[in-house]
Amino acid sequence: MKGVDPQTVSDSGGSGKVLVFLHGFCESKEVWNAFCQPFRETYRVIALDLPGFGKNIAPQPGYSMEEAAAYVHKVLKALEIKKCALIGHSMGGYVALAFAEKHGNMVNGLCLFHSSALPDSKEKKAIRTKSIKFIKKNGVSVFMDAFTAPLFSPVNRKYFAKEIKMLTAMGKETPPEAVMGAMKGMRDRKKRIKVLKDARYQVLFIAGKDDQAITLEQTLAQCYLPAYSSVLFLAKTGHQGMFEKPLETRNALRSFAENSII
């Protein structure tokens, strides 16, 4: 792949419909390993490390959602992918929306997996700015010790201690400039409601009822906007449905892929 480090991309190969999985903040393509396995039998499954994360840790000029989307486009072009469905978890959803805004002709499906086309609220922007200052002073490791567990529903945290430990360790391996840069990129991202309104492909929303990062109210405010949309609301689920409710989220994605992607 010209200009792309193969270590940063996982590609199942094959000639089936293409599903592109984009990870969230302080994650890497590894979060999708087990989750994606059943899809590899039918689809061409691609997962990649967004700039600054996983094995894609070369210094970047910037970590905006638009710059990350440009990297996704670069990877897909290198793989000669002309059409794909984007599945974006959290920050990955913001990147998917930025990609769809610029390269809508390449998108034939979009899943906002605990994600949103709305910008940060004034309060959320202030929290991100405070977090950037905290990381600058205390480091990524201390930040991650408190960051991961609240992403799971309170009722699930003791059952997913292994996953919380894994995600925490993953985040601690991320360079500080990438963590702070991506946080700034999320804070400053623009509203992309128009992408949903203009979509002529299926949009799937996956929302956790206990998600404090992307609230149920945010999803309800957006899910009716696309011409073709479906919604999965998950009880006793926070921001990590691929771990908290793997069967339900896989089934929703399977239906989405089978019935909507051309």
C-alpha atoms as a PDB file:
ATOM      1  CA  MET A   1       0.000   0.000   0.000  1.00  0.00           C
ATOM      2  CA  LYS A   2       1.698   3.118  -1.219  1.00  0.00           C
ATOM      3  CA  GLY A   3       2.224   5.645   1.573  1.00  0.00           C
ATOM      4  CA  VAL A   4       0.452   3.499   4.197  1.00  0.00           C
ATOM      5  CA  ASP A   5       2.175   1.407   6.859  1.00  0.00           C
ATOM      6  CA  PRO A   6       0.604  -2.075   6.567  1.00  0.00           C
ATOM      7  CA  GLN A   7       0.922  -2.504  10.346  1.00  0.00           C
ATOM      8  CA  THR A   8      -1.739   0.161  10.794  1.00  0.00           C
ATOM      9  CA  VAL A   9      -4.372  -1.649   8.703  1.00  0.00           C
ATOM     10  CA  SER A  10      -6.173  -4.964   9.121  1.00  0.00           C
ATOM     11  CA  ASP A  11      -7.765  -6.209   5.888  1.00  0.00           C
ATOM     12  CA  SER A  12      -9.537  -9.564   5.612  1.00  0.00           C
ATOM     13  CA  GLY A  13      -9.364  -9.351   1.809  1.00  0.00           C
ATOM     14  CA  GLY A  14     -11.905 -10.952  -0.495  1.00  0.00           C
ATOM     15  CA  SER A  15     -14.408  -9.512  -2.943  1.00  0.00           C
ATOM     16  CA  GLY A  16     -17.445  -9.051  -0.689  1.00  0.00           C
ATOM     17  CA  LYS A  17     -19.085  -5.834   0.411  1.00  0.00           C
ATOM     18  CA  VAL A  18     -16.632  -3.665   2.322  1.00  0.00           C
ATOM     19  CA  LEU A  19     -17.090  -2.810   6.001  1.00  0.00           C
ATOM     20  CA  VAL A  20     -14.649  -0.266   7.441  1.00  0.00           C
ATOM     21  CA  PHE A  21     -14.393  -0.165  11.241  1.00  0.00           C
ATOM     22  CA  LEU A  22     -13.095   3.020  12.888  1.00  0.00           C
ATOM     23  CA  HIS A  23     -12.142   2.912  16.565  1.00  0.00           C
ATOM     24  CA  GLY A  24     -12.816   5.482  19.251  1.00  0.00           C
ATOM     25  CA  PHE A  25     -10.667   7.830  21.320  1.00  0.00           C
ATOM     26  CA  CYS A  26      -7.624   6.229  22.984  1.00  0.00           C
ATOM     27  CA  GLU A  27      -8.394   2.936  21.249  1.00  0.00           C
ATOM     28  CA  SER A  28      -6.907   1.132  18.246  1.00  0.00           C
ATOM     29  CA  LYS A  29      -8.061  -1.263  15.556  1.00  0.00           C
ATOM     30  CA  GLU A  30      -7.496  -4.062  18.090  1.00  0.00           C
ATOM     31  CA  VAL A  31     -10.809  -3.256  19.832  1.00  0.00           C
ATOM     32  CA  TRP A  32     -12.595  -4.767  16.833  1.00  0.00           C
ATOM     33  CA  ASN A  33     -10.646  -8.061  16.666  1.00  0.00           C
ATOM     34  CA  ALA A  34     -13.131 -10.415  18.317  1.00  0.00           C
ATOM     35  CA  PHE A  35     -16.185  -8.365  17.415  1.00  0.00           C
ATOM     36  CA  CYS A  36     -15.459  -8.408  13.678  1.00  0.00           C
ATOM     37  CA  GLN A  37     -14.557 -12.075  13.375  1.00  0.00           C
ATOM     38  CA  PRO A  38     -18.023 -13.322  12.259  1.00  0.00           C
ATOM     39  CA  PHE A  39     -18.236 -10.631   9.568  1.00  0.00           C
ATOM     40  CA  ARG A  40     -14.985 -11.731   7.915  1.00  0.00           C
ATOM     41  CA  GLU A  41     -16.711 -14.829   6.547  1.00  0.00           C
ATOM     42  CA  THR A  42     -19.078 -12.777   4.356  1.00  0.00           C
ATOM     43  CA  TYR A  43     -17.617  -9.307   3.995  1.00  0.00           C
ATOM     44  CA  ARG A  44     -14.310  -7.665   3.307  1.00  0.00           C
ATOM     45  CA  VAL A  45     -13.563  -6.250   6.743  1.00  0.00           C
ATOM     46  CA  ILE A  46     -11.086  -3.407   7.144  1.00  0.00           C
ATOM     47  CA  ALA A  47     -10.046  -1.927  10.490  1.00  0.00           C
ATOM     48  CA  LEU A  48      -7.380   0.721  10.804  1.00  0.00           C
ATOM     49  CA  ASP A  49      -5.465   2.690  13.384  1.00  0.00           C
ATOM     50  CA  LEU A  50      -6.437   6.334  13.142  1.00  0.00           C
ATOM     51  CA  PRO A  51      -3.550   8.848  13.180  1.00  0.00           C
ATOM     52  CA  GLY A  52      -1.799   8.849  16.554  1.00  0.00           C
ATOM     53  CA  PHE A  53      -3.261   5.570  17.807  1.00  0.00           C
ATOM     54  CA  GLY A  54      -2.305   1.907  17.842  1.00  0.00           C
ATOM     55  CA  LYS A  55       0.649   1.371  15.544  1.00  0.00           C
ATOM     56  CA  ASN A  56      -0.040   4.596  13.633  1.00  0.00           C
ATOM     57  CA  ILE A  57       2.038   6.774  15.974  1.00  0.00           C
ATOM     58  CA  ALA A  58       4.212   8.720  13.552  1.00  0.00           C
ATOM     59  CA  PRO A  59       4.032  12.437  14.477  1.00  0.00           C
ATOM     60  CA  GLN A  60       1.116  14.194  12.772  1.00  0.00           C
ATOM     61  CA  PRO A  61       0.699  17.838  11.745  1.00  0.00           C
ATOM     62  CA  GLY A  62      -2.728  17.753  13.369  1.00  0.00           C
ATOM     63  CA  TYR A  63      -5.365  15.453  14.834  1.00  0.00           C
ATOM     64  CA  SER A  64      -8.609  17.017  13.637  1.00  0.00           C
ATOM     65  CA  MET A  65     -11.513  14.840  12.518  1.00  0.00           C
ATOM     66  CA  GLU A  66     -10.949  16.105   8.964  1.00  0.00           C
ATOM     67  CA  GLU A  67      -7.278  15.090   9.036  1.00  0.00           C
ATOM     68  CA  ALA A  68      -8.202  11.645  10.336  1.00  0.00           C
ATOM     69  CA  ALA A  69     -10.825  11.329   7.587  1.00  0.00           C
ATOM     70  CA  ALA A  70      -8.177  12.235   5.011  1.00  0.00           C
ATOM     71  CA  TYR A  71      -6.067   9.356   6.322  1.00  0.00           C
ATOM     72  CA  VAL A  72      -9.027   6.963   5.990  1.00  0.00           C
ATOM     73  CA  HIS A  73      -9.430   8.114   2.393  1.00  0.00           C
ATOM     74  CA  LYS A  74      -5.727   7.553   1.779  1.00  0.00           C
ATOM     75  CA  VAL A  75      -5.986   3.979   3.088  1.00  0.00           C
ATOM     76  CA  LEU A  76      -9.082   3.171   1.034  1.00  0.00           C
ATOM     77  CA  LYS A  77      -7.506   4.618  -2.081  1.00  0.00           C
ATOM     78  CA  ALA A  78      -4.377   2.518  -1.479  1.00  0.00           C
ATOM     79  CA  LEU A  79      -6.611  -0.565  -1.140  1.00  0.00           C
ATOM     80  CA  GLU A  80      -8.529   0.439  -4.294  1.00  0.00           C
ATOM     81  CA  ILE A  81     -11.829   0.552  -2.394  1.00  0.00           C
ATOM     82  CA  LYS A  82     -14.500   2.486  -4.282  1.00  0.00           C
ATOM     83  CA  LYS A  83     -17.512   1.887  -2.004  1.00  0.00           C
ATOM     84  CA  CYS A  84     -17.771   0.976   1.651  1.00  0.00           C
ATOM     85  CA  ALA A  85     -19.908   1.117   4.751  1.00  0.00           C
ATOM     86  CA  LEU A  86     -18.330   2.992   7.648  1.00  0.00           C
ATOM     87  CA  ILE A  87     -18.819   1.789  11.228  1.00  0.00           C
ATOM     88  CA  GLY A  88     -17.483   4.425  13.596  1.00  0.00           C
ATOM     89  CA  HIS A  89     -17.311   4.032  17.358  1.00  0.00           C
ATOM     90  CA  SER A  90     -17.436   7.340  19.264  1.00  0.00           C
ATOM     91  CA  MET A  91     -14.578   9.439  17.819  1.00  0.00           C
ATOM     92  CA  GLY A  92     -14.524   7.012  14.887  1.00  0.00           C
ATOM     93  CA  GLY A  93     -18.079   8.126  14.139  1.00  0.00           C
ATOM     94  CA  TYR A  94     -16.976  11.761  14.054  1.00  0.00           C
ATOM     95  CA  VAL A  95     -14.272  10.758  11.572  1.00  0.00           C
ATOM     96  CA  ALA A  96     -16.775   8.755   9.510  1.00  0.00           C
ATOM     97  CA  LEU A  97     -19.066  11.792   9.301  1.00  0.00           C
ATOM     98  CA  ALA A  98     -16.161  14.006   8.196  1.00  0.00           C
ATOM     99  CA  PHE A  99     -15.313  11.387   5.553  1.00  0.00           C
ATOM    100  CA  ALA A 100     -18.935  11.144   4.360  1.00  0.00           C
ATOM    101  CA  GLU A 101     -19.155  14.930   4.108  1.00  0.00           C
ATOM    102  CA  LYS A 102     -16.235  15.048   1.667  1.00  0.00           C
ATOM    103  CA  HIS A 103     -16.446  11.637  -0.018  1.00  0.00           C
ATOM    104  CA  GLY A 104     -20.154  10.835   0.077  1.00  0.00           C
ATOM    105  CA  ASN A 105     -19.913   9.061  -3.264  1.00  0.00           C
ATOM    106  CA  MET A 106     -17.775   6.375  -1.603  1.00  0.00           C
ATOM    107  CA  VAL A 107     -20.211   5.689   1.252  1.00  0.00           C
ATOM    108  CA  ASN A 108     -23.015   3.145   0.942  1.00  0.00           C
ATOM    109  CA  GLY A 109     -23.782   2.805   4.640  1.00  0.00           C
ATOM    110  CA  LEU A 110     -22.983   4.540   7.929  1.00  0.00           C
ATOM    111  CA  CYS A 111     -23.185   3.271  11.491  1.00  0.00           C
ATOM    112  CA  LEU A 112     -22.834   5.746  14.339  1.00  0.00           C
ATOM    113  CA  PHE A 113     -21.807   3.342  17.099  1.00  0.00           C
ATOM    114  CA  HIS A 114     -22.258   5.433  20.258  1.00  0.00           C
ATOM    115  CA  SER A 115     -21.517   8.530  18.190  1.00  0.00           C
ATOM    116  CA  SER A 116     -23.136  11.768  17.054  1.00  0.00           C
ATOM    117  CA  ALA A 117     -23.311  14.368  14.298  1.00  0.00           C
ATOM    118  CA  LEU A 118     -23.816  17.084  16.920  1.00  0.00           C
ATOM    119  CA  PRO A 119     -20.909  19.240  18.098  1.00  0.00           C
ATOM    120  CA  ASP A 120     -19.755  19.362  21.699  1.00  0.00           C
ATOM    121  CA  SER A 121     -21.890  21.417  24.035  1.00  0.00           C
ATOM    122  CA  LYS A 122     -20.313  24.395  25.760  1.00  0.00           C
ATOM    123  CA  GLU A 123     -20.006  22.297  28.928  1.00  0.00           C
ATOM    124  CA  LYS A 124     -18.395  19.364  27.084  1.00  0.00           C
ATOM    125  CA  LYS A 125     -15.893  21.696  25.415  1.00  0.00           C
ATOM    126  CA  ALA A 126     -14.893  23.019  28.839  1.00  0.00           C
ATOM    127  CA  ILE A 127     -14.423  19.454  30.143  1.00  0.00           C
ATOM    128  CA  ARG A 128     -12.177  18.568  27.188  1.00  0.00           C
ATOM    129  CA  THR A 129     -10.090  21.710  27.697  1.00  0.00           C
ATOM    130  CA  LYS A 130      -9.726  20.834  31.380  1.00  0.00           C
ATOM    131  CA  SER A 131      -8.707  17.271  30.439  1.00  0.00           C
ATOM    132  CA  ILE A 132      -6.038  18.538  28.035  1.00  0.00           C
ATOM    133  CA  LYS A 133      -4.555  20.649  30.830  1.00  0.00           C
ATOM    134  CA  PHE A 134      -4.712  17.655  33.194  1.00  0.00           C
ATOM    135  CA  ILE A 135      -2.853  15.409  30.730  1.00  0.00           C
ATOM    136  CA  LYS A 136      -0.243  18.070  30.095  1.00  0.00           C
ATOM    137  CA  LYS A 137       0.396  18.279  33.842  1.00  0.00           C
ATOM    138  CA  ASN A 138      -0.087  14.659  34.974  1.00  0.00           C
ATOM    139  CA  GLY A 139       0.435  12.487  31.893  1.00  0.00           C
ATOM    140  CA  VAL A 140      -1.658  10.031  29.896  1.00  0.00           C
ATOM    141  CA  SER A 141      -1.268   7.140  32.349  1.00  0.00           C
ATOM    142  CA  VAL A 142      -2.900   8.981  35.247  1.00  0.00           C
ATOM    143  CA  PHE A 143      -5.659  10.240  32.939  1.00  0.00           C
ATOM    144  CA  MET A 144      -6.445   6.732  31.651  1.00  0.00           C
ATOM    145  CA  ASP A 145      -6.695   5.298  35.183  1.00  0.00           C
ATOM    146  CA  ALA A 146      -9.926   7.257  35.627  1.00  0.00           C
ATOM    147  CA  PHE A 147     -11.128   7.455  32.020  1.00  0.00           C
ATOM    148  CA  THR A 148     -12.122   3.942  30.960  1.00  0.00           C
ATOM    149  CA  ALA A 149     -14.404   2.466  33.642  1.00  0.00           C
ATOM    150  CA  PRO A 150     -17.083   5.216  33.375  1.00  0.00           C
ATOM    151  CA  LEU A 151     -17.488   4.317  29.681  1.00  0.00           C
ATOM    152  CA  PHE A 152     -19.223   1.119  30.824  1.00  0.00           C
ATOM    153  CA  SER A 153     -22.640   0.998  32.461  1.00  0.00           C
ATOM    154  CA  PRO A 154     -22.345   0.954  36.274  1.00  0.00           C
ATOM    155  CA  VAL A 155     -24.078  -2.434  36.321  1.00  0.00           C
ATOM    156  CA  ASN A 156     -21.445  -3.917  33.991  1.00  0.00           C
ATOM    157  CA  ARG A 157     -18.144  -2.654  35.347  1.00  0.00           C
ATOM    158  CA  LYS A 158     -17.323  -5.566  37.637  1.00  0.00           C
ATOM    159  CA  TYR A 159     -18.171  -8.063  34.870  1.00  0.00           C
ATOM    160  CA  PHE A 160     -15.922  -6.330  32.344  1.00  0.00           C
ATOM    161  CA  ALA A 161     -12.888  -5.711  34.547  1.00  0.00           C
ATOM    162  CA  LYS A 162     -10.672  -7.508  32.004  1.00  0.00           C
ATOM    163  CA  GLU A 163     -11.908  -5.341  29.138  1.00  0.00           C
ATOM    164  CA  ILE A 164     -11.546  -2.164  31.191  1.00  0.00           C
ATOM    165  CA  LYS A 165      -7.966  -3.152  32.025  1.00  0.00           C
ATOM    166  CA  MET A 166      -7.242  -3.869  28.346  1.00  0.00           C
ATOM    167  CA  LEU A 167      -8.689  -0.544  27.138  1.00  0.00           C
ATOM    168  CA  THR A 168      -6.862   1.357  29.874  1.00  0.00           C
ATOM    169  CA  ALA A 169      -3.543  -0.223  28.873  1.00  0.00           C
ATOM    170  CA  MET A 170      -4.275   0.547  25.214  1.00  0.00           C
ATOM    171  CA  GLY A 171      -4.852   4.194  26.033  1.00  0.00           C
ATOM    172  CA  LYS A 172      -1.670   4.395  28.108  1.00  0.00           C
ATOM    173  CA  GLU A 173       0.353   3.363  25.048  1.00  0.00           C
ATOM    174  CA  THR A 174      -0.929   6.365  23.089  1.00  0.00           C
ATOM    175  CA  PRO A 175       1.512   9.298  22.725  1.00  0.00           C
ATOM    176  CA  PRO A 176       0.474  12.355  24.789  1.00  0.00           C
ATOM    177  CA  GLU A 177       0.446  14.614  21.731  1.00  0.00           C
ATOM    178  CA  ALA A 178      -2.064  12.275  20.035  1.00  0.00           C
ATOM    179  CA  VAL A 179      -4.308  12.086  23.107  1.00  0.00           C
ATOM    180  CA  MET A 180      -4.347  15.867  23.551  1.00  0.00           C
ATOM    181  CA  GLY A 181      -4.534  16.510  19.811  1.00  0.00           C
ATOM    182  CA  ALA A 182      -7.486  14.168  19.284  1.00  0.00           C
ATOM    183  CA  MET A 183      -9.247  15.625  22.305  1.00  0.00           C
ATOM    184  CA  LYS A 184      -8.820  19.096  20.821  1.00  0.00           C
ATOM    185  CA  GLY A 185     -10.036  17.742  17.461  1.00  0.00           C
ATOM    186  CA  MET A 186     -13.199  16.367  19.064  1.00  0.00           C
ATOM    187  CA  ARG A 187     -13.749  19.560  21.026  1.00  0.00           C
ATOM    188  CA  ASP A 188     -13.484  21.725  17.939  1.00  0.00           C
ATOM    189  CA  ARG A 189     -15.366  19.493  15.484  1.00  0.00           C
ATOM    190  CA  LYS A 190     -18.264  21.044  13.640  1.00  0.00           C
ATOM    191  CA  LYS A 191     -21.902  20.031  13.477  1.00  0.00           C
ATOM    192  CA  ARG A 192     -22.554  17.528  10.680  1.00  0.00           C
ATOM    193  CA  ILE A 193     -26.325  17.175  10.833  1.00  0.00           C
ATOM    194  CA  LYS A 194     -26.449  17.985   7.110  1.00  0.00           C
ATOM    195  CA  VAL A 195     -24.532  14.771   6.378  1.00  0.00           C
ATOM    196  CA  LEU A 196     -27.383  12.814   7.974  1.00  0.00           C
ATOM    197  CA  LYS A 197     -30.075  14.831   6.210  1.00  0.00           C
ATOM    198  CA  ASP A 198     -28.397  14.394   2.825  1.00  0.00           C
ATOM    199  CA  ALA A 199     -27.591  10.688   3.255  1.00  0.00           C
ATOM    200  CA  ARG A 200     -29.136   8.446   0.604  1.00  0.00           C
ATOM    201  CA  TYR A 201     -27.780   5.319   2.227  1.00  0.00           C
ATOM    202  CA  GLN A 202     -28.832   3.490   5.375  1.00  0.00           C
ATOM    203  CA  VAL A 203     -27.716   4.996   8.676  1.00  0.00           C
ATOM    204  CA  LEU A 204     -27.668   2.806  11.771  1.00  0.00           C
ATOM    205  CA  PHE A 205     -27.580   4.389  15.224  1.00  0.00           C
ATOM    206  CA  ILE A 206     -26.448   2.287  18.188  1.00  0.00           C
ATOM    207  CA  ALA A 207     -27.105   3.905  21.562  1.00  0.00           C
ATOM    208  CA  GLY A 208     -26.584   2.790  25.152  1.00  0.00           C
ATOM    209  CA  LYS A 209     -29.248   3.880  27.598  1.00  0.00           C
ATOM    210  CA  ASP A 210     -26.580   4.357  30.281  1.00  0.00           C
ATOM    211  CA  ASP A 211     -24.130   6.136  27.959  1.00  0.00           C
ATOM    212  CA  GLN A 212     -22.925   9.384  29.525  1.00  0.00           C
ATOM    213  CA  ALA A 213     -20.672  10.309  26.591  1.00  0.00           C
ATOM    214  CA  ILE A 214     -23.353  10.164  23.868  1.00  0.00           C
ATOM    215  CA  THR A 215     -26.680  10.427  25.630  1.00  0.00           C
ATOM    216  CA  LEU A 216     -29.940   8.821  24.585  1.00  0.00           C
ATOM    217  CA  GLU A 217     -31.380  12.292  24.054  1.00  0.00           C
ATOM    218  CA  GLN A 218     -28.662  13.116  21.524  1.00  0.00           C
ATOM    219  CA  THR A 219     -29.445  10.003  19.497  1.00  0.00           C
ATOM    220  CA  LEU A 220     -33.186  10.675  19.623  1.00  0.00           C
ATOM    221  CA  ALA A 221     -32.535  14.178  18.260  1.00  0.00           C
ATOM    222  CA  GLN A 222     -30.781  12.756  15.178  1.00  0.00           C
ATOM    223  CA  CYS A 223     -32.090   9.305  14.326  1.00  0.00           C
ATOM    224  CA  TYR A 224     -35.093  10.573  12.342  1.00  0.00           C
ATOM    225  CA  LEU A 225     -32.988  12.835  10.075  1.00  0.00           C
ATOM    226  CA  PRO A 226     -31.692  10.394   7.425  1.00  0.00           C
ATOM    227  CA  ALA A 227     -34.055   9.218   4.698  1.00  0.00           C
ATOM    228  CA  TYR A 228     -33.258   5.624   5.691  1.00  0.00           C
ATOM    229  CA  SER A 229     -32.340   4.887   9.274  1.00  0.00           C
ATOM    230  CA  SER A 230     -32.602   2.283  11.998  1.00  0.00           C
ATOM    231  CA  VAL A 231     -31.856   2.503  15.698  1.00  0.00           C
ATOM    232  CA  LEU A 232     -30.730   0.036  18.344  1.00  0.00           C
ATOM    233  CA  PHE A 233     -31.304   1.160  21.920  1.00  0.00           C
ATOM    234  CA  LEU A 234     -29.424  -0.954  24.452  1.00  0.00           C
ATOM    235  CA  ALA A 235     -30.546  -1.260  28.063  1.00  0.00           C
ATOM    236  CA  LYS A 236     -27.892  -1.571  30.786  1.00  0.00           C
ATOM    237  CA  THR A 237     -25.251  -0.417  28.314  1.00  0.00           C
ATOM    238  CA  GLY A 238     -22.842   2.490  28.420  1.00  0.00           C
ATOM    239  CA  HIS A 239     -20.462   3.626  25.691  1.00  0.00           C
ATOM    240  CA  GLN A 240     -18.918   0.234  24.865  1.00  0.00           C
ATOM    241  CA  GLY A 241     -21.685  -1.817  23.244  1.00  0.00           C
ATOM    242  CA  MET A 242     -19.240  -3.986  21.303  1.00  0.00           C
ATOM    243  CA  PHE A 243     -18.132  -5.365  24.673  1.00  0.00           C
ATOM    244  CA  GLU A 244     -21.250  -4.879  26.799  1.00  0.00           C
ATOM    245  CA  LYS A 245     -23.745  -6.228  24.242  1.00  0.00           C
ATOM    246  CA  PRO A 246     -21.775  -8.006  21.477  1.00  0.00           C
ATOM    247  CA  LEU A 247     -24.599 -10.284  20.309  1.00  0.00           C
ATOM    248  CA  GLU A 248     -27.183  -7.520  19.978  1.00  0.00           C
ATOM    249  CA  THR A 249     -24.823  -5.079  18.278  1.00  0.00           C
ATOM    250  CA  ARG A 250     -23.505  -7.736  15.883  1.00  0.00           C
ATOM    251  CA  ASN A 251     -27.052  -8.710  14.922  1.00  0.00           C
ATOM    252  CA  ALA A 252     -27.965  -5.091  14.254  1.00  0.00           C
ATOM    253  CA  LEU A 253     -24.851  -4.612  12.110  1.00  0.00           C
ATOM    254  CA  ARG A 254     -25.489  -7.859  10.257  1.00  0.00           C
ATOM    255  CA  SER A 255     -29.030  -6.748   9.378  1.00  0.00           C
ATOM    256  CA  PHE A 256     -27.705  -3.313   8.406  1.00  0.00           C
ATOM    257  CA  ALA A 257     -25.080  -4.864   6.109  1.00  0.00           C
ATOM    258  CA  GLU A 258     -27.378  -7.484   4.553  1.00  0.00           C
ATOM    259  CA  ASN A 259     -30.334  -5.244   3.865  1.00  0.00           C
ATOM    260  CA  SER A 260     -28.937  -1.838   3.082  1.00  0.00           C
ATOM    261  CA  ILE A 261     -25.493  -1.984   1.538  1.00  0.00           C
ATOM    262  CA  ILE A 262     -25.426  -2.138  -2.246  1.00  0.00           C
END
